[in-house]
């Protein structure tokens, strides 16, 4: 995912949920999702050669790839599963409807 701009990295998360370690640029919210060297790899914007080298290295080292893939899946399941995220959205929408979502003092 060699993005120059990225708000969150949903494509990376979808891959991680399918046990695919993500190789991405360190932009926007992506570093909150990917822990470099644990569940994926992060690189500066434009460093496509290093990203390609990282992909080849993972393809050559099946044990490292498998470990990273399992860590990616674990991250997706423990931090971003629907049972954790939906209540946060519900609470936010309830706060917006009730007028208490950051509107105090206005």
PDB file of N, CA and C in Angstrom:
ATOM      1  N   UNK A   1       0.847  -1.168   0.000  1.00  0.00           N
ATOM      2  CA  UNK A   1       0.000   0.000   0.000  1.00  0.00           C
ATOM      3  C   UNK A   1       0.902   1.244   0.000  1.00  0.00           C
ATOM      4  N   UNK A   2       1.405   1.651  -1.155  1.00  0.00           N
ATOM      5  CA  UNK A   2       2.358   2.763  -1.241  1.00  0.00           C
ATOM      6  C   UNK A   2       1.693   4.142  -1.312  1.00  0.00           C
ATOM      7  N   UNK A   3       0.729   4.369  -0.455  1.00  0.00           N
ATOM      8  CA  UNK A   3      -0.034   5.625  -0.488  1.00  0.00           C
ATOM      9  C   UNK A   3       0.816   6.824  -0.090  1.00  0.00           C
ATOM     10  N   UNK A   4       0.526   7.956  -0.711  1.00  0.00           N
ATOM     11  CA  UNK A   4       1.116   9.219  -0.279  1.00  0.00           C
ATOM     12  C   UNK A   4       0.273   9.847   0.820  1.00  0.00           C
ATOM     13  N   UNK A   5      -1.045   9.601   0.780  1.00  0.00           N
ATOM     14  CA  UNK A   5      -1.988  10.074   1.789  1.00  0.00           C
ATOM     15  C   UNK A   5      -2.915   8.917   2.137  1.00  0.00           C
ATOM     16  N   UNK A   6      -3.237   8.790   3.386  1.00  0.00           N
ATOM     17  CA  UNK A   6      -4.133   7.711   3.810  1.00  0.00           C
ATOM     18  C   UNK A   6      -4.731   8.120   5.146  1.00  0.00           C
ATOM     19  N   UNK A   7      -6.059   8.091   5.244  1.00  0.00           N
ATOM     20  CA  UNK A   7      -6.667   8.471   6.516  1.00  0.00           C
ATOM     21  C   UNK A   7      -6.553   7.356   7.544  1.00  0.00           C
ATOM     22  N   UNK A   8      -6.829   6.127   7.141  1.00  0.00           N
ATOM     23  CA  UNK A   8      -6.778   5.022   8.095  1.00  0.00           C
ATOM     24  C   UNK A   8      -6.055   3.808   7.551  1.00  0.00           C
ATOM     25  N   UNK A   9      -6.384   3.345   6.402  1.00  0.00           N
ATOM     26  CA  UNK A   9      -5.768   2.152   5.847  1.00  0.00           C
ATOM     27  C   UNK A   9      -6.688   0.948   5.892  1.00  0.00           C
ATOM     28  N   UNK A  10      -7.929   1.139   5.480  1.00  0.00           N
ATOM     29  CA  UNK A  10      -8.915   0.066   5.507  1.00  0.00           C
ATOM     30  C   UNK A  10      -8.477  -1.131   4.658  1.00  0.00           C
ATOM     31  N   UNK A  11      -7.854  -0.876   3.518  1.00  0.00           N
ATOM     32  CA  UNK A  11      -7.384  -1.986   2.672  1.00  0.00           C
ATOM     33  C   UNK A  11      -6.357  -2.826   3.416  1.00  0.00           C
ATOM     34  N   UNK A  12      -5.487  -2.179   4.152  1.00  0.00           N
ATOM     35  CA  UNK A  12      -4.494  -2.916   4.947  1.00  0.00           C
ATOM     36  C   UNK A  12      -5.190  -3.742   6.021  1.00  0.00           C
ATOM     37  N   UNK A  13      -6.157  -3.167   6.697  1.00  0.00           N
ATOM     38  CA  UNK A  13      -6.890  -3.890   7.735  1.00  0.00           C
ATOM     39  C   UNK A  13      -7.627  -5.093   7.160  1.00  0.00           C
ATOM     40  N   UNK A  14      -8.231  -4.929   6.007  1.00  0.00           N
ATOM     41  CA  UNK A  14      -8.930  -6.051   5.373  1.00  0.00           C
ATOM     42  C   UNK A  14      -7.951  -7.178   5.059  1.00  0.00           C
ATOM     43  N   UNK A  15      -6.774  -6.826   4.561  1.00  0.00           N
ATOM     44  CA  UNK A  15      -5.752  -7.830   4.303  1.00  0.00           C
ATOM     45  C   UNK A  15      -5.311  -8.511   5.592  1.00  0.00           C
ATOM     46  N   UNK A  16      -5.102  -7.718   6.621  1.00  0.00           N
ATOM     47  CA  UNK A  16      -4.665  -8.267   7.905  1.00  0.00           C
ATOM     48  C   UNK A  16      -5.695  -9.249   8.457  1.00  0.00           C
ATOM     49  N   UNK A  17      -6.966  -8.938   8.291  1.00  0.00           N
ATOM     50  CA  UNK A  17      -8.027  -9.830   8.761  1.00  0.00           C
ATOM     51  C   UNK A  17      -7.983 -11.167   8.031  1.00  0.00           C
ATOM     52  N   UNK A  18      -7.408 -11.165   6.827  1.00  0.00           N
ATOM     53  CA  UNK A  18      -7.270 -12.395   6.023  1.00  0.00           C
ATOM     54  C   UNK A  18      -5.876 -13.005   6.151  1.00  0.00           C
ATOM     55  N   UNK A  19      -5.157 -12.620   7.186  1.00  0.00           N
ATOM     56  CA  UNK A  19      -3.799 -13.125   7.445  1.00  0.00           C
ATOM     57  C   UNK A  19      -2.804 -12.742   6.337  1.00  0.00           C
ATOM     58  N   UNK A  20      -2.878 -11.508   5.915  1.00  0.00           N
ATOM     59  CA  UNK A  20      -1.919 -10.994   4.940  1.00  0.00           C
ATOM     60  C   UNK A  20      -1.173  -9.832   5.588  1.00  0.00           C
ATOM     61  N   UNK A  21       0.126  -9.990   5.826  1.00  0.00           N
ATOM     62  CA  UNK A  21       0.874  -8.867   6.398  1.00  0.00           C
ATOM     63  C   UNK A  21       0.908  -7.709   5.409  1.00  0.00           C
ATOM     64  N   UNK A  22       0.684  -6.513   5.888  1.00  0.00           N
ATOM     65  CA  UNK A  22       0.650  -5.341   5.014  1.00  0.00           C
ATOM     66  C   UNK A  22       2.006  -4.678   4.938  1.00  0.00           C
ATOM     67  N   UNK A  23       2.333  -4.221   3.760  1.00  0.00           N
ATOM     68  CA  UNK A  23       3.522  -3.419   3.527  1.00  0.00           C
ATOM     69  C   UNK A  23       2.998  -2.079   3.048  1.00  0.00           C
ATOM     70  N   UNK A  24       3.269  -1.044   3.824  1.00  0.00           N
ATOM     71  CA  UNK A  24       2.616   0.236   3.563  1.00  0.00           C
ATOM     72  C   UNK A  24       3.540   1.401   3.887  1.00  0.00           C
ATOM     73  N   UNK A  25       3.103   2.585   3.460  1.00  0.00           N
ATOM     74  CA  UNK A  25       3.815   3.801   3.825  1.00  0.00           C
ATOM     75  C   UNK A  25       3.318   4.281   5.181  1.00  0.00           C
ATOM     76  N   UNK A  26       4.200   4.935   5.882  1.00  0.00           N
ATOM     77  CA  UNK A  26       3.910   5.421   7.229  1.00  0.00           C
ATOM     78  C   UNK A  26       3.238   6.791   7.145  1.00  0.00           C
ATOM     79  N   UNK A  27       1.958   6.782   6.752  1.00  0.00           N
ATOM     80  CA  UNK A  27       1.208   8.031   6.606  1.00  0.00           C
ATOM     81  C   UNK A  27      -0.142   7.909   7.311  1.00  0.00           C
ATOM     82  N   UNK A  28      -0.696   9.047   7.669  1.00  0.00           N
ATOM     83  CA  UNK A  28      -2.032   9.085   8.264  1.00  0.00           C
ATOM     84  C   UNK A  28      -2.166   8.161   9.459  1.00  0.00           C
ATOM     85  N   UNK A  29      -3.246   7.395   9.466  1.00  0.00           N
ATOM     86  CA  UNK A  29      -3.520   6.492  10.570  1.00  0.00           C
ATOM     87  C   UNK A  29      -2.902   5.121  10.418  1.00  0.00           C
ATOM     88  N   UNK A  30      -2.172   4.889   9.336  1.00  0.00           N
ATOM     89  CA  UNK A  30      -1.599   3.563   9.081  1.00  0.00           C
ATOM     90  C   UNK A  30      -0.671   3.101  10.207  1.00  0.00           C
ATOM     91  N   UNK A  31       0.189   3.970  10.769  1.00  0.00           N
ATOM     92  CA  UNK A  31       1.046   3.507  11.857  1.00  0.00           C
ATOM     93  C   UNK A  31       0.279   3.076  13.121  1.00  0.00           C
ATOM     94  N   UNK A  32      -0.963   3.516  13.261  1.00  0.00           N
ATOM     95  CA  UNK A  32      -1.790   3.030  14.376  1.00  0.00           C
ATOM     96  C   UNK A  32      -2.230   1.593  14.137  1.00  0.00           C
ATOM     97  N   UNK A  33      -2.277   1.194  12.903  1.00  0.00           N
ATOM     98  CA  UNK A  33      -2.737  -0.130  12.504  1.00  0.00           C
ATOM     99  C   UNK A  33      -1.587  -1.126  12.399  1.00  0.00           C
ATOM    100  N   UNK A  34      -0.504  -0.701  11.782  1.00  0.00           N
ATOM    101  CA  UNK A  34       0.625  -1.593  11.510  1.00  0.00           C
ATOM    102  C   UNK A  34       1.767  -1.294  12.469  1.00  0.00           C
ATOM    103  N   UNK A  35       2.217  -2.333  13.154  1.00  0.00           N
ATOM    104  CA  UNK A  35       3.411  -2.244  13.987  1.00  0.00           C
ATOM    105  C   UNK A  35       4.566  -2.816  13.170  1.00  0.00           C
ATOM    106  N   UNK A  36       5.469  -1.941  12.761  1.00  0.00           N
ATOM    107  CA  UNK A  36       6.531  -2.326  11.837  1.00  0.00           C
ATOM    108  C   UNK A  36       7.330  -3.521  12.352  1.00  0.00           C
ATOM    109  N   UNK A  37       7.416  -4.537  11.504  1.00  0.00           N
ATOM    110  CA  UNK A  37       8.176  -5.727  11.832  1.00  0.00           C
ATOM    111  C   UNK A  37       7.420  -6.754  12.642  1.00  0.00           C
ATOM    112  N   UNK A  38       6.213  -6.404  13.099  1.00  0.00           N
ATOM    113  CA  UNK A  38       5.413  -7.328  13.905  1.00  0.00           C
ATOM    114  C   UNK A  38       4.250  -7.882  13.088  1.00  0.00           C
ATOM    115  N   UNK A  39       3.371  -6.992  12.621  1.00  0.00           N
ATOM    116  CA  UNK A  39       2.204  -7.432  11.847  1.00  0.00           C
ATOM    117  C   UNK A  39       2.198  -6.876  10.425  1.00  0.00           C
ATOM    118  N   UNK A  40       3.287  -6.264  10.042  1.00  0.00           N
ATOM    119  CA  UNK A  40       3.441  -5.684   8.717  1.00  0.00           C
ATOM    120  C   UNK A  40       4.727  -4.890   8.665  1.00  0.00           C
ATOM    121  N   UNK A  41       4.884  -4.132   7.607  1.00  0.00           N
ATOM    122  CA  UNK A  41       6.079  -3.301   7.454  1.00  0.00           C
ATOM    123  C   UNK A  41       5.659  -1.901   7.048  1.00  0.00           C
ATOM    124  N   UNK A  42       6.371  -0.911   7.573  1.00  0.00           N
ATOM    125  CA  UNK A  42       6.120   0.496   7.267  1.00  0.00           C
ATOM    126  C   UNK A  42       7.365   1.129   6.668  1.00  0.00           C
ATOM    127  N   UNK A  43       7.138   1.975   5.664  1.00  0.00           N
ATOM    128  CA  UNK A  43       8.238   2.650   4.988  1.00  0.00           C
ATOM    129  C   UNK A  43       7.860   4.095   4.709  1.00  0.00           C
ATOM    130  N   UNK A  44       8.862   4.956   4.524  1.00  0.00           N
ATOM    131  CA  UNK A  44       8.575   6.341   4.155  1.00  0.00           C
ATOM    132  C   UNK A  44       7.910   6.411   2.772  1.00  0.00           C
ATOM    133  N   UNK A  45       7.136   7.450   2.577  1.00  0.00           N
ATOM    134  CA  UNK A  45       6.499   7.671   1.274  1.00  0.00           C
ATOM    135  C   UNK A  45       7.575   7.705   0.191  1.00  0.00           C
ATOM    136  N   UNK A  46       7.315   6.994  -0.885  1.00  0.00           N
ATOM    137  CA  UNK A  46       8.207   7.002  -2.027  1.00  0.00           C
ATOM    138  C   UNK A  46       9.280   5.927  -2.021  1.00  0.00           C
ATOM    139  N   UNK A  47       9.458   5.228  -0.909  1.00  0.00           N
ATOM    140  CA  UNK A  47      10.500   4.206  -0.829  1.00  0.00           C
ATOM    141  C   UNK A  47       9.967   2.870  -1.346  1.00  0.00           C
ATOM    142  N   UNK A  48       9.565   2.875  -2.607  1.00  0.00           N
ATOM    143  CA  UNK A  48       8.954   1.706  -3.238  1.00  0.00           C
ATOM    144  C   UNK A  48       9.953   0.560  -3.343  1.00  0.00           C
ATOM    145  N   UNK A  49      11.216   0.861  -3.556  1.00  0.00           N
ATOM    146  CA  UNK A  49      12.230  -0.191  -3.657  1.00  0.00           C
ATOM    147  C   UNK A  49      12.347  -0.963  -2.336  1.00  0.00           C
ATOM    148  N   UNK A  50      12.353  -0.251  -1.224  1.00  0.00           N
ATOM    149  CA  UNK A  50      12.427  -0.925   0.078  1.00  0.00           C
ATOM    150  C   UNK A  50      11.163  -1.740   0.338  1.00  0.00           C
ATOM    151  N   UNK A  51      10.026  -1.232  -0.111  1.00  0.00           N
ATOM    152  CA  UNK A  51       8.771  -1.971   0.049  1.00  0.00           C
ATOM    153  C   UNK A  51       8.814  -3.266  -0.757  1.00  0.00           C
ATOM    154  N   UNK A  52       9.330  -3.194  -1.964  1.00  0.00           N
ATOM    155  CA  UNK A  52       9.444  -4.380  -2.810  1.00  0.00           C
ATOM    156  C   UNK A  52      10.421  -5.379  -2.197  1.00  0.00           C
ATOM    157  N   UNK A  53      11.533  -4.876  -1.669  1.00  0.00           N
ATOM    158  CA  UNK A  53      12.505  -5.753  -1.013  1.00  0.00           C
ATOM    159  C   UNK A  53      11.882  -6.453   0.193  1.00  0.00           C
ATOM    160  N   UNK A  54      11.058  -5.738   0.944  1.00  0.00           N
ATOM    161  CA  UNK A  54      10.394  -6.332   2.111  1.00  0.00           C
ATOM    162  C   UNK A  54       9.426  -7.428   1.682  1.00  0.00           C
ATOM    163  N   UNK A  55       8.715  -7.201   0.578  1.00  0.00           N
ATOM    164  CA  UNK A  55       7.786  -8.219   0.075  1.00  0.00           C
ATOM    165  C   UNK A  55       8.544  -9.472  -0.351  1.00  0.00           C
ATOM    166  N   UNK A  56       9.640  -9.290  -1.047  1.00  0.00           N
ATOM    167  CA  UNK A  56      10.447 -10.427  -1.493  1.00  0.00           C
ATOM    168  C   UNK A  56      11.018 -11.168  -0.286  1.00  0.00           C
ATOM    169  N   UNK A  57      11.483 -10.428   0.709  1.00  0.00           N
ATOM    170  CA  UNK A  57      12.034 -11.061   1.916  1.00  0.00           C
ATOM    171  C   UNK A  57      10.983 -11.912   2.610  1.00  0.00           C
ATOM    172  N   UNK A  58       9.758 -11.419   2.701  1.00  0.00           N
ATOM    173  CA  UNK A  58       8.690 -12.203   3.326  1.00  0.00           C
ATOM    174  C   UNK A  58       8.357 -13.443   2.508  1.00  0.00           C
ATOM    175  N   UNK A  59       8.353 -13.301   1.201  1.00  0.00           N
ATOM    176  CA  UNK A  59       8.063 -14.445   0.340  1.00  0.00           C
ATOM    177  C   UNK A  59       9.149 -15.517   0.436  1.00  0.00           C
ATOM    178  N   UNK A  60      10.357 -15.097   0.720  1.00  0.00           N
ATOM    179  CA  UNK A  60      11.471 -16.045   0.837  1.00  0.00           C
ATOM    180  C   UNK A  60      11.557 -16.697   2.223  1.00  0.00           C
ATOM    181  N   UNK A  61      10.979 -16.067   3.222  1.00  0.00           N
ATOM    182  CA  UNK A  61      11.068 -16.578   4.594  1.00  0.00           C
ATOM    183  C   UNK A  61       9.662 -16.939   5.078  1.00  0.00           C
ATOM    184  N   UNK A  62       9.252 -18.166   4.801  1.00  0.00           N
ATOM    185  CA  UNK A  62       7.875 -18.567   5.103  1.00  0.00           C
ATOM    186  C   UNK A  62       7.576 -18.531   6.604  1.00  0.00           C
ATOM    187  N   UNK A  63       8.551 -18.800   7.455  1.00  0.00           N
ATOM    188  CA  UNK A  63       8.317 -18.743   8.902  1.00  0.00           C
ATOM    189  C   UNK A  63       8.036 -17.306   9.352  1.00  0.00           C
ATOM    190  N   UNK A  64       8.850 -16.365   8.873  1.00  0.00           N
ATOM    191  CA  UNK A  64       8.641 -14.958   9.218  1.00  0.00           C
ATOM    192  C   UNK A  64       7.315 -14.462   8.658  1.00  0.00           C
ATOM    193  N   UNK A  65       6.996 -14.874   7.443  1.00  0.00           N
ATOM    194  CA  UNK A  65       5.732 -14.466   6.821  1.00  0.00           C
ATOM    195  C   UNK A  65       4.552 -15.016   7.621  1.00  0.00           C
ATOM    196  N   UNK A  66       4.628 -16.264   8.005  1.00  0.00           N
ATOM    197  CA  UNK A  66       3.553 -16.896   8.771  1.00  0.00           C
ATOM    198  C   UNK A  66       3.367 -16.189  10.125  1.00  0.00           C
ATOM    199  N   UNK A  67       4.465 -15.893  10.804  1.00  0.00           N
ATOM    200  CA  UNK A  67       4.383 -15.216  12.098  1.00  0.00           C
ATOM    201  C   UNK A  67       3.771 -13.821  11.947  1.00  0.00           C
ATOM    202  N   UNK A  68       4.199 -13.101  10.927  1.00  0.00           N
ATOM    203  CA  UNK A  68       3.662 -11.763  10.689  1.00  0.00           C
ATOM    204  C   UNK A  68       2.187 -11.835  10.295  1.00  0.00           C
ATOM    205  N   UNK A  69       1.822 -12.838   9.510  1.00  0.00           N
ATOM    206  CA  UNK A  69       0.433 -13.017   9.087  1.00  0.00           C
ATOM    207  C   UNK A  69      -0.464 -13.302  10.291  1.00  0.00           C
ATOM    208  N   UNK A  70       0.006 -14.139  11.204  1.00  0.00           N
ATOM    209  CA  UNK A  70      -0.785 -14.437  12.409  1.00  0.00           C
ATOM    210  C   UNK A  70      -0.906 -13.207  13.307  1.00  0.00           C
ATOM    211  N   UNK A  71       0.173 -12.441  13.410  1.00  0.00           N
ATOM    212  CA  UNK A  71       0.119 -11.202  14.195  1.00  0.00           C
ATOM    213  C   UNK A  71      -0.839 -10.202  13.560  1.00  0.00           C
ATOM    214  N   UNK A  72      -0.856 -10.159  12.224  1.00  0.00           N
ATOM    215  CA  UNK A  72      -1.774  -9.259  11.518  1.00  0.00           C
ATOM    216  C   UNK A  72      -3.219  -9.648  11.815  1.00  0.00           C
ATOM    217  N   UNK A  73      -3.517 -10.921  11.725  1.00  0.00           N
ATOM    218  CA  UNK A  73      -4.878 -11.404  12.013  1.00  0.00           C
ATOM    219  C   UNK A  73      -5.266 -11.097  13.460  1.00  0.00           C
ATOM    220  N   UNK A  74      -4.331 -11.319  14.375  1.00  0.00           N
ATOM    221  CA  UNK A  74      -4.586 -11.054  15.797  1.00  0.00           C
ATOM    222  C   UNK A  74      -4.900  -9.570  16.032  1.00  0.00           C
ATOM    223  N   UNK A  75      -4.146  -8.694  15.376  1.00  0.00           N
ATOM    224  CA  UNK A  75      -4.412  -7.255  15.491  1.00  0.00           C
ATOM    225  C   UNK A  75      -5.806  -6.922  14.984  1.00  0.00           C
ATOM    226  N   UNK A  76      -6.153  -7.450  13.821  1.00  0.00           N
ATOM    227  CA  UNK A  76      -7.475  -7.178  13.244  1.00  0.00           C
ATOM    228  C   UNK A  76      -8.582  -7.665  14.178  1.00  0.00           C
ATOM    229  N   UNK A  77      -8.407  -8.848  14.734  1.00  0.00           N
ATOM    230  CA  UNK A  77      -9.455  -9.429  15.597  1.00  0.00           C
ATOM    231  C   UNK A  77      -9.549  -8.738  16.956  1.00  0.00           C
ATOM    232  N   UNK A  78      -8.428  -8.410  17.561  1.00  0.00           N
ATOM    233  CA  UNK A  78      -8.474  -7.881  18.924  1.00  0.00           C
ATOM    234  C   UNK A  78      -8.719  -6.379  18.980  1.00  0.00           C
ATOM    235  N   UNK A  79      -8.286  -5.642  17.964  1.00  0.00           N
ATOM    236  CA  UNK A  79      -8.420  -4.187  18.022  1.00  0.00           C
ATOM    237  C   UNK A  79      -9.516  -3.622  17.142  1.00  0.00           C
ATOM    238  N   UNK A  80      -9.906  -4.339  16.088  1.00  0.00           N
ATOM    239  CA  UNK A  80     -10.805  -3.749  15.107  1.00  0.00           C
ATOM    240  C   UNK A  80     -12.019  -4.597  14.769  1.00  0.00           C
ATOM    241  N   UNK A  81     -12.325  -5.613  15.563  1.00  0.00           N
ATOM    242  CA  UNK A  81     -13.497  -6.436  15.256  1.00  0.00           C
ATOM    243  C   UNK A  81     -14.777  -5.630  15.509  1.00  0.00           C
ATOM    244  N   UNK A  82     -15.831  -6.021  14.854  1.00  0.00           N
ATOM    245  CA  UNK A  82     -17.100  -5.283  14.923  1.00  0.00           C
ATOM    246  C   UNK A  82     -17.616  -5.161  16.353  1.00  0.00           C
ATOM    247  N   UNK A  83     -17.429  -6.186  17.171  1.00  0.00           N
ATOM    248  CA  UNK A  83     -17.951  -6.126  18.541  1.00  0.00           C
ATOM    249  C   UNK A  83     -17.242  -5.065  19.378  1.00  0.00           C
ATOM    250  N   UNK A  84     -16.062  -4.649  18.978  1.00  0.00           N
ATOM    251  CA  UNK A  84     -15.359  -3.574  19.686  1.00  0.00           C
ATOM    252  C   UNK A  84     -15.642  -2.208  19.071  1.00  0.00           C
ATOM    253  N   UNK A  85     -15.727  -2.158  17.762  1.00  0.00           N
ATOM    254  CA  UNK A  85     -15.845  -0.879  17.068  1.00  0.00           C
ATOM    255  C   UNK A  85     -17.277  -0.345  17.047  1.00  0.00           C
ATOM    256  N   UNK A  86     -18.254  -1.218  16.817  1.00  0.00           N
ATOM    257  CA  UNK A  86     -19.642  -0.741  16.718  1.00  0.00           C
ATOM    258  C   UNK A  86     -20.125  -0.020  17.969  1.00  0.00           C
ATOM    259  N   UNK A  87     -19.841  -0.503  19.173  1.00  0.00           N
ATOM    260  CA  UNK A  87     -20.270   0.257  20.351  1.00  0.00           C
ATOM    261  C   UNK A  87     -19.651   1.660  20.420  1.00  0.00           C
ATOM    262  N   UNK A  88     -18.448   1.820  19.917  1.00  0.00           N
ATOM    263  CA  UNK A  88     -17.829   3.149  19.891  1.00  0.00           C
ATOM    264  C   UNK A  88     -18.580   4.085  18.954  1.00  0.00           C
ATOM    265  N   UNK A  89     -18.944   3.569  17.779  1.00  0.00           N
ATOM    266  CA  UNK A  89     -19.746   4.371  16.854  1.00  0.00           C
ATOM    267  C   UNK A  89     -21.111   4.694  17.462  1.00  0.00           C
ATOM    268  N   UNK A  90     -21.752   3.715  18.057  1.00  0.00           N
ATOM    269  CA  UNK A  90     -23.065   3.944  18.661  1.00  0.00           C
ATOM    270  C   UNK A  90     -22.989   5.030  19.729  1.00  0.00           C
ATOM    271  N   UNK A  91     -21.979   4.949  20.579  1.00  0.00           N
ATOM    272  CA  UNK A  91     -21.821   5.945  21.644  1.00  0.00           C
ATOM    273  C   UNK A  91     -21.584   7.328  21.042  1.00  0.00           C
ATOM    274  N   UNK A  92     -20.766   7.401  19.995  1.00  0.00           N
ATOM    275  CA  UNK A  92     -20.500   8.673  19.352  1.00  0.00           C
ATOM    276  C   UNK A  92     -21.779   9.271  18.770  1.00  0.00           C
ATOM    277  N   UNK A  93     -22.552   8.451  18.032  1.00  0.00           N
ATOM    278  CA  UNK A  93     -23.797   8.942  17.445  1.00  0.00           C
ATOM    279  C   UNK A  93     -24.799   9.357  18.518  1.00  0.00           C
ATOM    280  N   UNK A  94     -24.865   8.622  19.603  1.00  0.00           N
ATOM    281  CA  UNK A  94     -25.751   8.996  20.700  1.00  0.00           C
ATOM    282  C   UNK A  94     -25.339  10.343  21.288  1.00  0.00           C
ATOM    283  N   UNK A  95     -24.016  10.554  21.428  1.00  0.00           N
ATOM    284  CA  UNK A  95     -23.532  11.841  21.932  1.00  0.00           C
ATOM    285  C   UNK A  95     -23.870  12.980  20.972  1.00  0.00           C
ATOM    286  N   UNK A  96     -23.743  12.719  19.664  1.00  0.00           N
ATOM    287  CA  UNK A  96     -24.068  13.748  18.676  1.00  0.00           C
ATOM    288  C   UNK A  96     -25.554  14.093  18.745  1.00  0.00           C
ATOM    289  N   UNK A  97     -26.388  13.069  18.821  1.00  0.00           N
ATOM    290  CA  UNK A  97     -27.834  13.291  18.869  1.00  0.00           C
ATOM    291  C   UNK A  97     -28.222  14.041  20.137  1.00  0.00           C
ATOM    292  N   UNK A  98     -27.576  13.709  21.244  1.00  0.00           N
ATOM    293  CA  UNK A  98     -27.928  14.367  22.507  1.00  0.00           C
ATOM    294  C   UNK A  98     -27.270  15.747  22.636  1.00  0.00           C
ATOM    295  N   UNK A  99     -26.370  16.062  21.707  1.00  0.00           N
ATOM    296  CA  UNK A  99     -25.727  17.375  21.740  1.00  0.00           C
ATOM    297  C   UNK A  99     -24.515  17.458  22.645  1.00  0.00           C
ATOM    298  N   UNK A 100     -24.006  16.334  23.092  1.00  0.00           N
ATOM    299  CA  UNK A 100     -22.872  16.374  24.016  1.00  0.00           C
ATOM    300  C   UNK A 100     -21.546  15.970  23.386  1.00  0.00           C
ATOM    301  N   UNK A 101     -21.475  15.876  22.080  1.00  0.00           N
ATOM    302  CA  UNK A 101     -20.246  15.442  21.398  1.00  0.00           C
ATOM    303  C   UNK A 101     -19.342  16.635  21.112  1.00  0.00           C
ATOM    304  N   UNK A 102     -18.594  17.063  22.089  1.00  0.00           N
ATOM    305  CA  UNK A 102     -17.632  18.134  21.885  1.00  0.00           C
ATOM    306  C   UNK A 102     -18.255  19.495  21.665  1.00  0.00           C
ATOM    307  N   UNK A 103     -19.521  19.646  21.992  1.00  0.00           N
ATOM    308  CA  UNK A 103     -20.204  20.914  21.742  1.00  0.00           C
ATOM    309  C   UNK A 103     -20.344  21.749  23.015  1.00  0.00           C
ATOM    310  N   UNK A 104     -19.807  21.284  24.104  1.00  0.00           N
ATOM    311  CA  UNK A 104     -19.925  22.028  25.361  1.00  0.00           C
ATOM    312  C   UNK A 104     -19.203  23.360  25.254  1.00  0.00           C
ATOM    313  N   UNK A 105     -19.803  24.367  25.797  1.00  0.00           N
ATOM    314  CA  UNK A 105     -19.203  25.680  25.810  1.00  0.00           C
ATOM    315  C   UNK A 105     -19.457  26.488  24.539  1.00  0.00           C
ATOM    316  N   UNK A 106     -20.272  25.945  23.639  1.00  0.00           N
ATOM    317  CA  UNK A 106     -20.537  26.694  22.400  1.00  0.00           C
ATOM    318  C   UNK A 106     -21.904  27.334  22.469  1.00  0.00           C
TER     319      UNK A 106
END
